[in-house]
Amino acid sequence: RMVTPAFDVYQMGLILTEMLTGTTLVA
């Protein structure tokens, strides 16, 4: 349940990858 700014980085990495591929990585 740890939340640091790296939390948002991970989520933005998921979103950027999804933007590049058109696919949700964890579906």
mmCIF file of all heavy atoms, coordinates in Angstrom:
data_MODEL
# 
_entry.id   MODEL 
# 
loop_
_atom_site.group_PDB 
_atom_site.id 
_atom_site.type_symbol 
_atom_site.label_atom_id 
_atom_site.label_alt_id 
_atom_site.label_comp_id 
_atom_site.label_asym_id 
_atom_site.label_entity_id 
_atom_site.label_seq_id 
_atom_site.pdbx_PDB_ins_code 
_atom_site.Cartn_x 
_atom_site.Cartn_y 
_atom_site.Cartn_z 
_atom_site.occupancy 
_atom_site.B_iso_or_equiv 
_atom_site.pdbx_formal_charge 
_atom_site.auth_seq_id 
_atom_site.auth_comp_id 
_atom_site.auth_asym_id 
_atom_site.auth_atom_id 
_atom_site.pdbx_PDB_model_num 
ATOM 1   N N   . ARG A 1 1  ? 0.827  -1.207 0.000   1.00 0.00 ? 1  ARG A N   1 
ATOM 2   C CA  . ARG A 1 1  ? 0.000  0.000  0.000   1.00 0.00 ? 1  ARG A CA  1 
ATOM 3   C C   . ARG A 1 1  ? 0.863  1.258  0.000   1.00 0.00 ? 1  ARG A C   1 
ATOM 4   O O   . ARG A 1 1  ? 0.476  2.298  0.492   1.00 0.00 ? 1  ARG A O   1 
ATOM 5   C CB  . ARG A 1 1  ? -0.973 0.032  1.191   1.00 0.00 ? 1  ARG A CB  1 
ATOM 6   C CG  . ARG A 1 1  ? -1.988 -1.074 1.225   1.00 0.00 ? 1  ARG A CG  1 
ATOM 7   C CD  . ARG A 1 1  ? -2.983 -0.949 0.084   1.00 0.00 ? 1  ARG A CD  1 
ATOM 8   N NE  . ARG A 1 1  ? -4.129 -1.809 0.268   1.00 0.00 ? 1  ARG A NE  1 
ATOM 9   C CZ  . ARG A 1 1  ? -4.281 -2.970 -0.346  1.00 0.00 ? 1  ARG A CZ  1 
ATOM 10  N NH1 . ARG A 1 1  ? -3.373 -3.409 -1.156  1.00 0.00 ? 1  ARG A NH1 1 
ATOM 11  N NH2 . ARG A 1 1  ? -5.358 -3.687 -0.144  1.00 0.00 ? 1  ARG A NH2 1 
ATOM 12  N N   . MET A 1 2  ? 2.075  1.150  -0.533  1.00 0.00 ? 2  MET A N   1 
ATOM 13  C CA  . MET A 1 2  ? 3.016  2.271  -0.580  1.00 0.00 ? 2  MET A CA  1 
ATOM 14  C C   . MET A 1 2  ? 2.701  3.146  -1.787  1.00 0.00 ? 2  MET A C   1 
ATOM 15  O O   . MET A 1 2  ? 2.491  2.637  -2.897  1.00 0.00 ? 2  MET A O   1 
ATOM 16  C CB  . MET A 1 2  ? 4.453  1.753  -0.666  1.00 0.00 ? 2  MET A CB  1 
ATOM 17  C CG  . MET A 1 2  ? 5.493  2.844  -0.684  1.00 0.00 ? 2  MET A CG  1 
ATOM 18  S SD  . MET A 1 2  ? 5.530  3.867  0.799   1.00 0.00 ? 2  MET A SD  1 
ATOM 19  C CE  . MET A 1 2  ? 6.156  2.721  1.995   1.00 0.00 ? 2  MET A CE  1 
ATOM 20  N N   . VAL A 1 3  ? 2.683  4.460  -1.563  1.00 0.00 ? 3  VAL A N   1 
ATOM 21  C CA  . VAL A 1 3  ? 2.411  5.407  -2.632  1.00 0.00 ? 3  VAL A CA  1 
ATOM 22  C C   . VAL A 1 3  ? 3.490  6.490  -2.600  1.00 0.00 ? 3  VAL A C   1 
ATOM 23  O O   . VAL A 1 3  ? 3.650  7.196  -1.610  1.00 0.00 ? 3  VAL A O   1 
ATOM 24  C CB  . VAL A 1 3  ? 1.019  6.062  -2.470  1.00 0.00 ? 3  VAL A CB  1 
ATOM 25  C CG1 . VAL A 1 3  ? 0.772  7.067  -3.586  1.00 0.00 ? 3  VAL A CG1 1 
ATOM 26  C CG2 . VAL A 1 3  ? -0.072 5.004  -2.463  1.00 0.00 ? 3  VAL A CG2 1 
ATOM 27  N N   . THR A 1 4  ? 4.254  6.588  -3.686  1.00 0.00 ? 4  THR A N   1 
ATOM 28  C CA  . THR A 1 4  ? 5.261  7.629  -3.883  1.00 0.00 ? 4  THR A CA  1 
ATOM 29  C C   . THR A 1 4  ? 5.058  8.192  -5.284  1.00 0.00 ? 4  THR A C   1 
ATOM 30  O O   . THR A 1 4  ? 4.256  7.654  -6.053  1.00 0.00 ? 4  THR A O   1 
ATOM 31  C CB  . THR A 1 4  ? 6.692  7.053  -3.755  1.00 0.00 ? 4  THR A CB  1 
ATOM 32  O OG1 . THR A 1 4  ? 6.916  6.159  -4.863  1.00 0.00 ? 4  THR A OG1 1 
ATOM 33  C CG2 . THR A 1 4  ? 6.896  6.323  -2.426  1.00 0.00 ? 4  THR A CG2 1 
ATOM 34  N N   . PRO A 1 5  ? 5.783  9.215  -5.682  1.00 0.00 ? 5  PRO A N   1 
ATOM 35  C CA  . PRO A 1 5  ? 5.648  9.705  -7.055  1.00 0.00 ? 5  PRO A CA  1 
ATOM 36  C C   . PRO A 1 5  ? 5.941  8.635  -8.121  1.00 0.00 ? 5  PRO A C   1 
ATOM 37  O O   . PRO A 1 5  ? 5.406  8.700  -9.223  1.00 0.00 ? 5  PRO A O   1 
ATOM 38  C CB  . PRO A 1 5  ? 6.651  10.856 -7.113  1.00 0.00 ? 5  PRO A CB  1 
ATOM 39  C CG  . PRO A 1 5  ? 6.695  11.367 -5.715  1.00 0.00 ? 5  PRO A CG  1 
ATOM 40  C CD  . PRO A 1 5  ? 6.611  10.123 -4.860  1.00 0.00 ? 5  PRO A CD  1 
ATOM 41  N N   . ALA A 1 6  ? 6.752  7.623  -7.776  1.00 0.00 ? 6  ALA A N   1 
ATOM 42  C CA  . ALA A 1 6  ? 7.033  6.532  -8.717  1.00 0.00 ? 6  ALA A CA  1 
ATOM 43  C C   . ALA A 1 6  ? 5.760  5.754  -9.066  1.00 0.00 ? 6  ALA A C   1 
ATOM 44  O O   . ALA A 1 6  ? 5.693  5.103  -10.108 1.00 0.00 ? 6  ALA A O   1 
ATOM 45  C CB  . ALA A 1 6  ? 8.101  5.596  -8.148  1.00 0.00 ? 6  ALA A CB  1 
ATOM 46  N N   . PHE A 1 7  ? 4.742  5.834  -8.220  1.00 0.00 ? 7  PHE A N   1 
ATOM 47  C CA  . PHE A 1 7  ? 3.426  5.243  -8.477  1.00 0.00 ? 7  PHE A CA  1 
ATOM 48  C C   . PHE A 1 7  ? 2.856  5.840  -9.766  1.00 0.00 ? 7  PHE A C   1 
ATOM 49  O O   . PHE A 1 7  ? 2.439  5.120  -10.678 1.00 0.00 ? 7  PHE A O   1 
ATOM 50  C CB  . PHE A 1 7  ? 2.528  5.562  -7.282  1.00 0.00 ? 7  PHE A CB  1 
ATOM 51  C CG  . PHE A 1 7  ? 1.182  4.893  -7.260  1.00 0.00 ? 7  PHE A CG  1 
ATOM 52  C CD1 . PHE A 1 7  ? 0.932  3.874  -6.369  1.00 0.00 ? 7  PHE A CD1 1 
ATOM 53  C CD2 . PHE A 1 7  ? 0.150  5.329  -8.083  1.00 0.00 ? 7  PHE A CD2 1 
ATOM 54  C CE1 . PHE A 1 7  ? -0.327 3.274  -6.297  1.00 0.00 ? 7  PHE A CE1 1 
ATOM 55  C CE2 . PHE A 1 7  ? -1.094 4.737  -8.023  1.00 0.00 ? 7  PHE A CE2 1 
ATOM 56  C CZ  . PHE A 1 7  ? -1.334 3.703  -7.131  1.00 0.00 ? 7  PHE A CZ  1 
ATOM 57  N N   . ASP A 1 8  ? 2.835  7.168  -9.837  1.00 0.00 ? 8  ASP A N   1 
ATOM 58  C CA  . ASP A 1 8  ? 2.315  7.853  -11.024 1.00 0.00 ? 8  ASP A CA  1 
ATOM 59  C C   . ASP A 1 8  ? 3.167  7.562  -12.256 1.00 0.00 ? 8  ASP A C   1 
ATOM 60  O O   . ASP A 1 8  ? 2.651  7.469  -13.369 1.00 0.00 ? 8  ASP A O   1 
ATOM 61  C CB  . ASP A 1 8  ? 2.260  9.363  -10.785 1.00 0.00 ? 8  ASP A CB  1 
ATOM 62  C CG  . ASP A 1 8  ? 1.138  9.793  -9.855  1.00 0.00 ? 8  ASP A CG  1 
ATOM 63  O OD1 . ASP A 1 8  ? 0.225  8.994  -9.556  1.00 0.00 ? 8  ASP A OD1 1 
ATOM 64  O OD2 . ASP A 1 8  ? 1.171  10.961 -9.406  1.00 0.00 ? 8  ASP A OD2 1 
ATOM 65  N N   . VAL A 1 9  ? 4.476  7.411  -12.070 1.00 0.00 ? 9  VAL A N   1 
ATOM 66  C CA  . VAL A 1 9  ? 5.377  7.099  -13.185 1.00 0.00 ? 9  VAL A CA  1 
ATOM 67  C C   . VAL A 1 9  ? 4.979  5.759  -13.804 1.00 0.00 ? 9  VAL A C   1 
ATOM 68  O O   . VAL A 1 9  ? 4.883  5.633  -15.031 1.00 0.00 ? 9  VAL A O   1 
ATOM 69  C CB  . VAL A 1 9  ? 6.850  7.080  -12.726 1.00 0.00 ? 9  VAL A CB  1 
ATOM 70  C CG1 . VAL A 1 9  ? 7.751  6.456  -13.783 1.00 0.00 ? 9  VAL A CG1 1 
ATOM 71  C CG2 . VAL A 1 9  ? 7.322  8.491  -12.375 1.00 0.00 ? 9  VAL A CG2 1 
ATOM 72  N N   . TYR A 1 10 ? 4.745  4.757  -12.975 1.00 0.00 ? 10 TYR A N   1 
ATOM 73  C CA  . TYR A 1 10 ? 4.350  3.429  -13.460 1.00 0.00 ? 10 TYR A CA  1 
ATOM 74  C C   . TYR A 1 10 ? 3.063  3.532  -14.277 1.00 0.00 ? 10 TYR A C   1 
ATOM 75  O O   . TYR A 1 10 ? 2.958  2.995  -15.373 1.00 0.00 ? 10 TYR A O   1 
ATOM 76  C CB  . TYR A 1 10 ? 4.174  2.484  -12.269 1.00 0.00 ? 10 TYR A CB  1 
ATOM 77  C CG  . TYR A 1 10 ? 3.868  1.045  -12.629 1.00 0.00 ? 10 TYR A CG  1 
ATOM 78  C CD1 . TYR A 1 10 ? 4.897  0.155  -12.926 1.00 0.00 ? 10 TYR A CD1 1 
ATOM 79  C CD2 . TYR A 1 10 ? 2.558  0.564  -12.644 1.00 0.00 ? 10 TYR A CD2 1 
ATOM 80  C CE1 . TYR A 1 10 ? 4.621  -1.175 -13.233 1.00 0.00 ? 10 TYR A CE1 1 
ATOM 81  C CE2 . TYR A 1 10 ? 2.283  -0.752 -12.948 1.00 0.00 ? 10 TYR A CE2 1 
ATOM 82  C CZ  . TYR A 1 10 ? 3.313  -1.623 -13.237 1.00 0.00 ? 10 TYR A CZ  1 
ATOM 83  O OH  . TYR A 1 10 ? 3.049  -2.940 -13.548 1.00 0.00 ? 10 TYR A OH  1 
ATOM 84  N N   . GLN A 1 11 ? 2.082  4.242  -13.724 1.00 0.00 ? 11 GLN A N   1 
ATOM 85  C CA  . GLN A 1 11 ? 0.814  4.375  -14.424 1.00 0.00 ? 11 GLN A CA  1 
ATOM 86  C C   . GLN A 1 11 ? 0.978  5.109  -15.761 1.00 0.00 ? 11 GLN A C   1 
ATOM 87  O O   . GLN A 1 11 ? 0.382  4.717  -16.764 1.00 0.00 ? 11 GLN A O   1 
ATOM 88  C CB  . GLN A 1 11 ? -0.205 5.097  -13.544 1.00 0.00 ? 11 GLN A CB  1 
ATOM 89  C CG  . GLN A 1 11 ? -0.632 4.254  -12.356 1.00 0.00 ? 11 GLN A CG  1 
ATOM 90  C CD  . GLN A 1 11 ? -1.652 4.935  -11.472 1.00 0.00 ? 11 GLN A CD  1 
ATOM 91  O OE1 . GLN A 1 11 ? -1.573 6.142  -11.231 1.00 0.00 ? 11 GLN A OE1 1 
ATOM 92  N NE2 . GLN A 1 11 ? -2.609 4.166  -10.989 1.00 0.00 ? 11 GLN A NE2 1 
ATOM 93  N N   . MET A 1 12 ? 1.796  6.146  -15.782 1.00 0.00 ? 12 MET A N   1 
ATOM 94  C CA  . MET A 1 12 ? 2.020  6.861  -17.049 1.00 0.00 ? 12 MET A CA  1 
ATOM 95  C C   . MET A 1 12 ? 2.787  5.985  -18.038 1.00 0.00 ? 12 MET A C   1 
ATOM 96  O O   . MET A 1 12 ? 2.564  6.077  -19.249 1.00 0.00 ? 12 MET A O   1 
ATOM 97  C CB  . MET A 1 12 ? 2.748  8.185  -16.799 1.00 0.00 ? 12 MET A CB  1 
ATOM 98  C CG  . MET A 1 12 ? 1.889  9.212  -16.049 1.00 0.00 ? 12 MET A CG  1 
ATOM 99  S SD  . MET A 1 12 ? 0.367  9.660  -16.918 1.00 0.00 ? 12 MET A SD  1 
ATOM 100 C CE  . MET A 1 12 ? 1.000  10.951 -17.977 1.00 0.00 ? 12 MET A CE  1 
ATOM 101 N N   . GLY A 1 13 ? 3.664  5.123  -17.549 1.00 0.00 ? 13 GLY A N   1 
ATOM 102 C CA  . GLY A 1 13 ? 4.351  4.166  -18.423 1.00 0.00 ? 13 GLY A CA  1 
ATOM 103 C C   . GLY A 1 13 ? 3.358  3.201  -19.053 1.00 0.00 ? 13 GLY A C   1 
ATOM 104 O O   . GLY A 1 13 ? 3.452  2.882  -20.246 1.00 0.00 ? 13 GLY A O   1 
ATOM 105 N N   . LEU A 1 14 ? 2.393  2.728  -18.261 1.00 0.00 ? 14 LEU A N   1 
ATOM 106 C CA  . LEU A 1 14 ? 1.346  1.849  -18.805 1.00 0.00 ? 14 LEU A CA  1 
ATOM 107 C C   . LEU A 1 14 ? 0.542  2.579  -19.877 1.00 0.00 ? 14 LEU A C   1 
ATOM 108 O O   . LEU A 1 14 ? 0.271  2.030  -20.949 1.00 0.00 ? 14 LEU A O   1 
ATOM 109 C CB  . LEU A 1 14 ? 0.397  1.403  -17.685 1.00 0.00 ? 14 LEU A CB  1 
ATOM 110 C CG  . LEU A 1 14 ? 0.936  0.414  -16.656 1.00 0.00 ? 14 LEU A CG  1 
ATOM 111 C CD1 . LEU A 1 14 ? -0.044 0.280  -15.499 1.00 0.00 ? 14 LEU A CD1 1 
ATOM 112 C CD2 . LEU A 1 14 ? 1.207  -0.929 -17.286 1.00 0.00 ? 14 LEU A CD2 1 
ATOM 113 N N   . ILE A 1 15 ? 0.165  3.813  -19.593 1.00 0.00 ? 15 ILE A N   1 
ATOM 114 C CA  . ILE A 1 15 ? -0.650 4.584  -20.532 1.00 0.00 ? 15 ILE A CA  1 
ATOM 115 C C   . ILE A 1 15 ? 0.125  4.879  -21.811 1.00 0.00 ? 15 ILE A C   1 
ATOM 116 O O   . ILE A 1 15 ? -0.415 4.738  -22.916 1.00 0.00 ? 15 ILE A O   1 
ATOM 117 C CB  . ILE A 1 15 ? -1.146 5.886  -19.876 1.00 0.00 ? 15 ILE A CB  1 
ATOM 118 C CG1 . ILE A 1 15 ? -2.104 5.567  -18.729 1.00 0.00 ? 15 ILE A CG1 1 
ATOM 119 C CG2 . ILE A 1 15 ? -1.818 6.800  -20.906 1.00 0.00 ? 15 ILE A CG2 1 
ATOM 120 C CD1 . ILE A 1 15 ? -2.397 6.743  -17.811 1.00 0.00 ? 15 ILE A CD1 1 
ATOM 121 N N   . LEU A 1 16 ? 1.389  5.273  -21.691 1.00 0.00 ? 16 LEU A N   1 
ATOM 122 C CA  . LEU A 1 16 ? 2.178  5.562  -22.886 1.00 0.00 ? 16 LEU A CA  1 
ATOM 123 C C   . LEU A 1 16 ? 2.323  4.312  -23.746 1.00 0.00 ? 16 LEU A C   1 
ATOM 124 O O   . LEU A 1 16 ? 2.186  4.377  -24.970 1.00 0.00 ? 16 LEU A O   1 
ATOM 125 C CB  . LEU A 1 16 ? 3.554  6.117  -22.510 1.00 0.00 ? 16 LEU A CB  1 
ATOM 126 C CG  . LEU A 1 16 ? 4.487  6.417  -23.673 1.00 0.00 ? 16 LEU A CG  1 
ATOM 127 C CD1 . LEU A 1 16 ? 3.855  7.361  -24.689 1.00 0.00 ? 16 LEU A CD1 1 
ATOM 128 C CD2 . LEU A 1 16 ? 5.810  6.989  -23.157 1.00 0.00 ? 16 LEU A CD2 1 
ATOM 129 N N   . THR A 1 17 ? 2.577  3.175  -23.115 1.00 0.00 ? 17 THR A N   1 
ATOM 130 C CA  . THR A 1 17 ? 2.681  1.927  -23.882 1.00 0.00 ? 17 THR A CA  1 
ATOM 131 C C   . THR A 1 17 ? 1.365  1.617  -24.572 1.00 0.00 ? 17 THR A C   1 
ATOM 132 O O   . THR A 1 17 ? 1.342  1.214  -25.736 1.00 0.00 ? 17 THR A O   1 
ATOM 133 C CB  . THR A 1 17 ? 3.112  0.770  -22.959 1.00 0.00 ? 17 THR A CB  1 
ATOM 134 O OG1 . THR A 1 17 ? 4.330  1.126  -22.302 1.00 0.00 ? 17 THR A OG1 1 
ATOM 135 C CG2 . THR A 1 17 ? 3.321  -0.509 -23.749 1.00 0.00 ? 17 THR A CG2 1 
ATOM 136 N N   . GLU A 1 18 ? 0.269  1.844  -23.884 1.00 0.00 ? 18 GLU A N   1 
ATOM 137 C CA  . GLU A 1 18 ? -1.048 1.629  -24.481 1.00 0.00 ? 18 GLU A CA  1 
ATOM 138 C C   . GLU A 1 18 ? -1.285 2.584  -25.653 1.00 0.00 ? 18 GLU A C   1 
ATOM 139 O O   . GLU A 1 18 ? -1.845 2.194  -26.684 1.00 0.00 ? 18 GLU A O   1 
ATOM 140 C CB  . GLU A 1 18 ? -2.125 1.813  -23.415 1.00 0.00 ? 18 GLU A CB  1 
ATOM 141 C CG  . GLU A 1 18 ? -3.517 1.507  -23.900 1.00 0.00 ? 18 GLU A CG  1 
ATOM 142 C CD  . GLU A 1 18 ? -4.548 1.529  -22.785 1.00 0.00 ? 18 GLU A CD  1 
ATOM 143 O OE1 . GLU A 1 18 ? -4.201 1.311  -21.609 1.00 0.00 ? 18 GLU A OE1 1 
ATOM 144 O OE2 . GLU A 1 18 ? -5.736 1.766  -23.101 1.00 0.00 ? 18 GLU A OE2 1 
ATOM 145 N N   . MET A 1 19 ? -0.840 3.823  -25.514 1.00 0.00 ? 19 MET A N   1 
ATOM 146 C CA  . MET A 1 19 ? -0.987 4.788  -26.605 1.00 0.00 ? 19 MET A CA  1 
ATOM 147 C C   . MET A 1 19 ? -0.205 4.339  -27.842 1.00 0.00 ? 19 MET A C   1 
ATOM 148 O O   . MET A 1 19 ? -0.661 4.519  -28.968 1.00 0.00 ? 19 MET A O   1 
ATOM 149 C CB  . MET A 1 19 ? -0.500 6.160  -26.156 1.00 0.00 ? 19 MET A CB  1 
ATOM 150 C CG  . MET A 1 19 ? -1.405 6.838  -25.137 1.00 0.00 ? 19 MET A CG  1 
ATOM 151 S SD  . MET A 1 19 ? -0.666 8.306  -24.378 1.00 0.00 ? 19 MET A SD  1 
ATOM 152 C CE  . MET A 1 19 ? -0.572 9.415  -25.773 1.00 0.00 ? 19 MET A CE  1 
ATOM 153 N N   . LEU A 1 20 ? 0.962  3.759  -27.620 1.00 0.00 ? 20 LEU A N   1 
ATOM 154 C CA  . LEU A 1 20 ? 1.816  3.325  -28.728 1.00 0.00 ? 20 LEU A CA  1 
ATOM 155 C C   . LEU A 1 20 ? 1.310  2.052  -29.399 1.00 0.00 ? 20 LEU A C   1 
ATOM 156 O O   . LEU A 1 20 ? 1.562  1.827  -30.579 1.00 0.00 ? 20 LEU A O   1 
ATOM 157 C CB  . LEU A 1 20 ? 3.241  3.099  -28.240 1.00 0.00 ? 20 LEU A CB  1 
ATOM 158 C CG  . LEU A 1 20 ? 3.989  4.344  -27.780 1.00 0.00 ? 20 LEU A CG  1 
ATOM 159 C CD1 . LEU A 1 20 ? 5.285  3.954  -27.085 1.00 0.00 ? 20 LEU A CD1 1 
ATOM 160 C CD2 . LEU A 1 20 ? 4.262  5.264  -28.959 1.00 0.00 ? 20 LEU A CD2 1 
ATOM 161 N N   . THR A 1 21 ? 0.623  1.205  -28.634 1.00 0.00 ? 21 THR A N   1 
ATOM 162 C CA  . THR A 1 21 ? 0.215  -0.097 -29.159 1.00 0.00 ? 21 THR A CA  1 
ATOM 163 C C   . THR A 1 21 ? -1.275 -0.204 -29.455 1.00 0.00 ? 21 THR A C   1 
ATOM 164 O O   . THR A 1 21 ? -1.684 -1.098 -30.191 1.00 0.00 ? 21 THR A O   1 
ATOM 165 C CB  . THR A 1 21 ? 0.576  -1.209 -28.147 1.00 0.00 ? 21 THR A CB  1 
ATOM 166 O OG1 . THR A 1 21 ? -0.167 -1.003 -26.941 1.00 0.00 ? 21 THR A OG1 1 
ATOM 167 C CG2 . THR A 1 21 ? 2.065  -1.234 -27.864 1.00 0.00 ? 21 THR A CG2 1 
ATOM 168 N N   . GLY A 1 22 ? -2.071 0.657  -28.833 1.00 0.00 ? 22 GLY A N   1 
ATOM 169 C CA  . GLY A 1 22 ? -3.512 0.563  -29.000 1.00 0.00 ? 22 GLY A CA  1 
ATOM 170 C C   . GLY A 1 22 ? -4.120 -0.563 -28.182 1.00 0.00 ? 22 GLY A C   1 
ATOM 171 O O   . GLY A 1 22 ? -5.273 -0.933 -28.376 1.00 0.00 ? 22 GLY A O   1 
ATOM 172 N N   . THR A 1 23 ? -3.340 -1.107 -27.239 1.00 0.00 ? 23 THR A N   1 
ATOM 173 C CA  . THR A 1 23 ? -3.785 -2.244 -26.444 1.00 0.00 ? 23 THR A CA  1 
ATOM 174 C C   . THR A 1 23 ? -3.484 -2.019 -24.969 1.00 0.00 ? 23 THR A C   1 
ATOM 175 O O   . THR A 1 23 ? -2.375 -1.615 -24.622 1.00 0.00 ? 23 THR A O   1 
ATOM 176 C CB  . THR A 1 23 ? -3.048 -3.526 -26.907 1.00 0.00 ? 23 THR A CB  1 
ATOM 177 O OG1 . THR A 1 23 ? -3.271 -3.709 -28.303 1.00 0.00 ? 23 THR A OG1 1 
ATOM 178 C CG2 . THR A 1 23 ? -3.528 -4.742 -26.160 1.00 0.00 ? 23 THR A CG2 1 
ATOM 179 N N   . THR A 1 24 ? -4.444 -2.325 -24.109 1.00 0.00 ? 24 THR A N   1 
ATOM 180 C CA  . THR A 1 24 ? -4.218 -2.275 -22.669 1.00 0.00 ? 24 THR A CA  1 
ATOM 181 C C   . THR A 1 24 ? -3.291 -3.426 -22.300 1.00 0.00 ? 24 THR A C   1 
ATOM 182 O O   . THR A 1 24 ? -3.533 -4.565 -22.699 1.00 0.00 ? 24 THR A O   1 
ATOM 183 C CB  . THR A 1 24 ? -5.559 -2.413 -21.907 1.00 0.00 ? 24 THR A CB  1 
ATOM 184 O OG1 . THR A 1 24 ? -6.449 -1.412 -22.386 1.00 0.00 ? 24 THR A OG1 1 
ATOM 185 C CG2 . THR A 1 24 ? -5.366 -2.272 -20.420 1.00 0.00 ? 24 THR A CG2 1 
ATOM 186 N N   . LEU A 1 25 ? -2.223 -3.147 -21.554 1.00 0.00 ? 25 LEU A N   1 
ATOM 187 C CA  . LEU A 1 25 ? -1.250 -4.191 -21.222 1.00 0.00 ? 25 LEU A CA  1 
ATOM 188 C C   . LEU A 1 25 ? -1.816 -5.244 -20.280 1.00 0.00 ? 25 LEU A C   1 
ATOM 189 O O   . LEU A 1 25 ? -1.481 -6.414 -20.387 1.00 0.00 ? 25 LEU A O   1 
ATOM 190 C CB  . LEU A 1 25 ? 0.009  -3.579 -20.601 1.00 0.00 ? 25 LEU A CB  1 
ATOM 191 C CG  . LEU A 1 25 ? 0.895  -2.789 -21.546 1.00 0.00 ? 25 LEU A CG  1 
ATOM 192 C CD1 . LEU A 1 25 ? 2.098  -2.238 -20.800 1.00 0.00 ? 25 LEU A CD1 1 
ATOM 193 C CD2 . LEU A 1 25 ? 1.344  -3.631 -22.718 1.00 0.00 ? 25 LEU A CD2 1 
ATOM 194 N N   . VAL A 1 26 ? -2.643 -4.847 -19.350 1.00 0.00 ? 26 VAL A N   1 
ATOM 195 C CA  . VAL A 1 26 ? -3.244 -5.788 -18.411 1.00 0.00 ? 26 VAL A CA  1 
ATOM 196 C C   . VAL A 1 26 ? -4.756 -5.727 -18.613 1.00 0.00 ? 26 VAL A C   1 
ATOM 197 O O   . VAL A 1 26 ? -5.420 -4.834 -18.108 1.00 0.00 ? 26 VAL A O   1 
ATOM 198 C CB  . VAL A 1 26 ? -2.863 -5.451 -16.944 1.00 0.00 ? 26 VAL A CB  1 
ATOM 199 C CG1 . VAL A 1 26 ? -3.523 -6.432 -15.982 1.00 0.00 ? 26 VAL A CG1 1 
ATOM 200 C CG2 . VAL A 1 26 ? -1.358 -5.468 -16.765 1.00 0.00 ? 26 VAL A CG2 1 
ATOM 201 N N   . ALA A 1 27 ? -5.265 -6.675 -19.395 1.00 0.00 ? 27 ALA A N   1 
ATOM 202 C CA  . ALA A 1 27 ? -6.689 -6.702 -19.731 1.00 0.00 ? 27 ALA A CA  1 
ATOM 203 C C   . ALA A 1 27 ? -7.289 -8.008 -19.240 1.00 0.00 ? 27 ALA A C   1 
ATOM 204 O O   . ALA A 1 27 ? -7.694 -8.867 -20.015 1.00 0.00 ? 27 ALA A O   1 
ATOM 205 C CB  . ALA A 1 27 ? -6.871 -6.552 -21.238 1.00 0.00 ? 27 ALA A CB  1 
# 
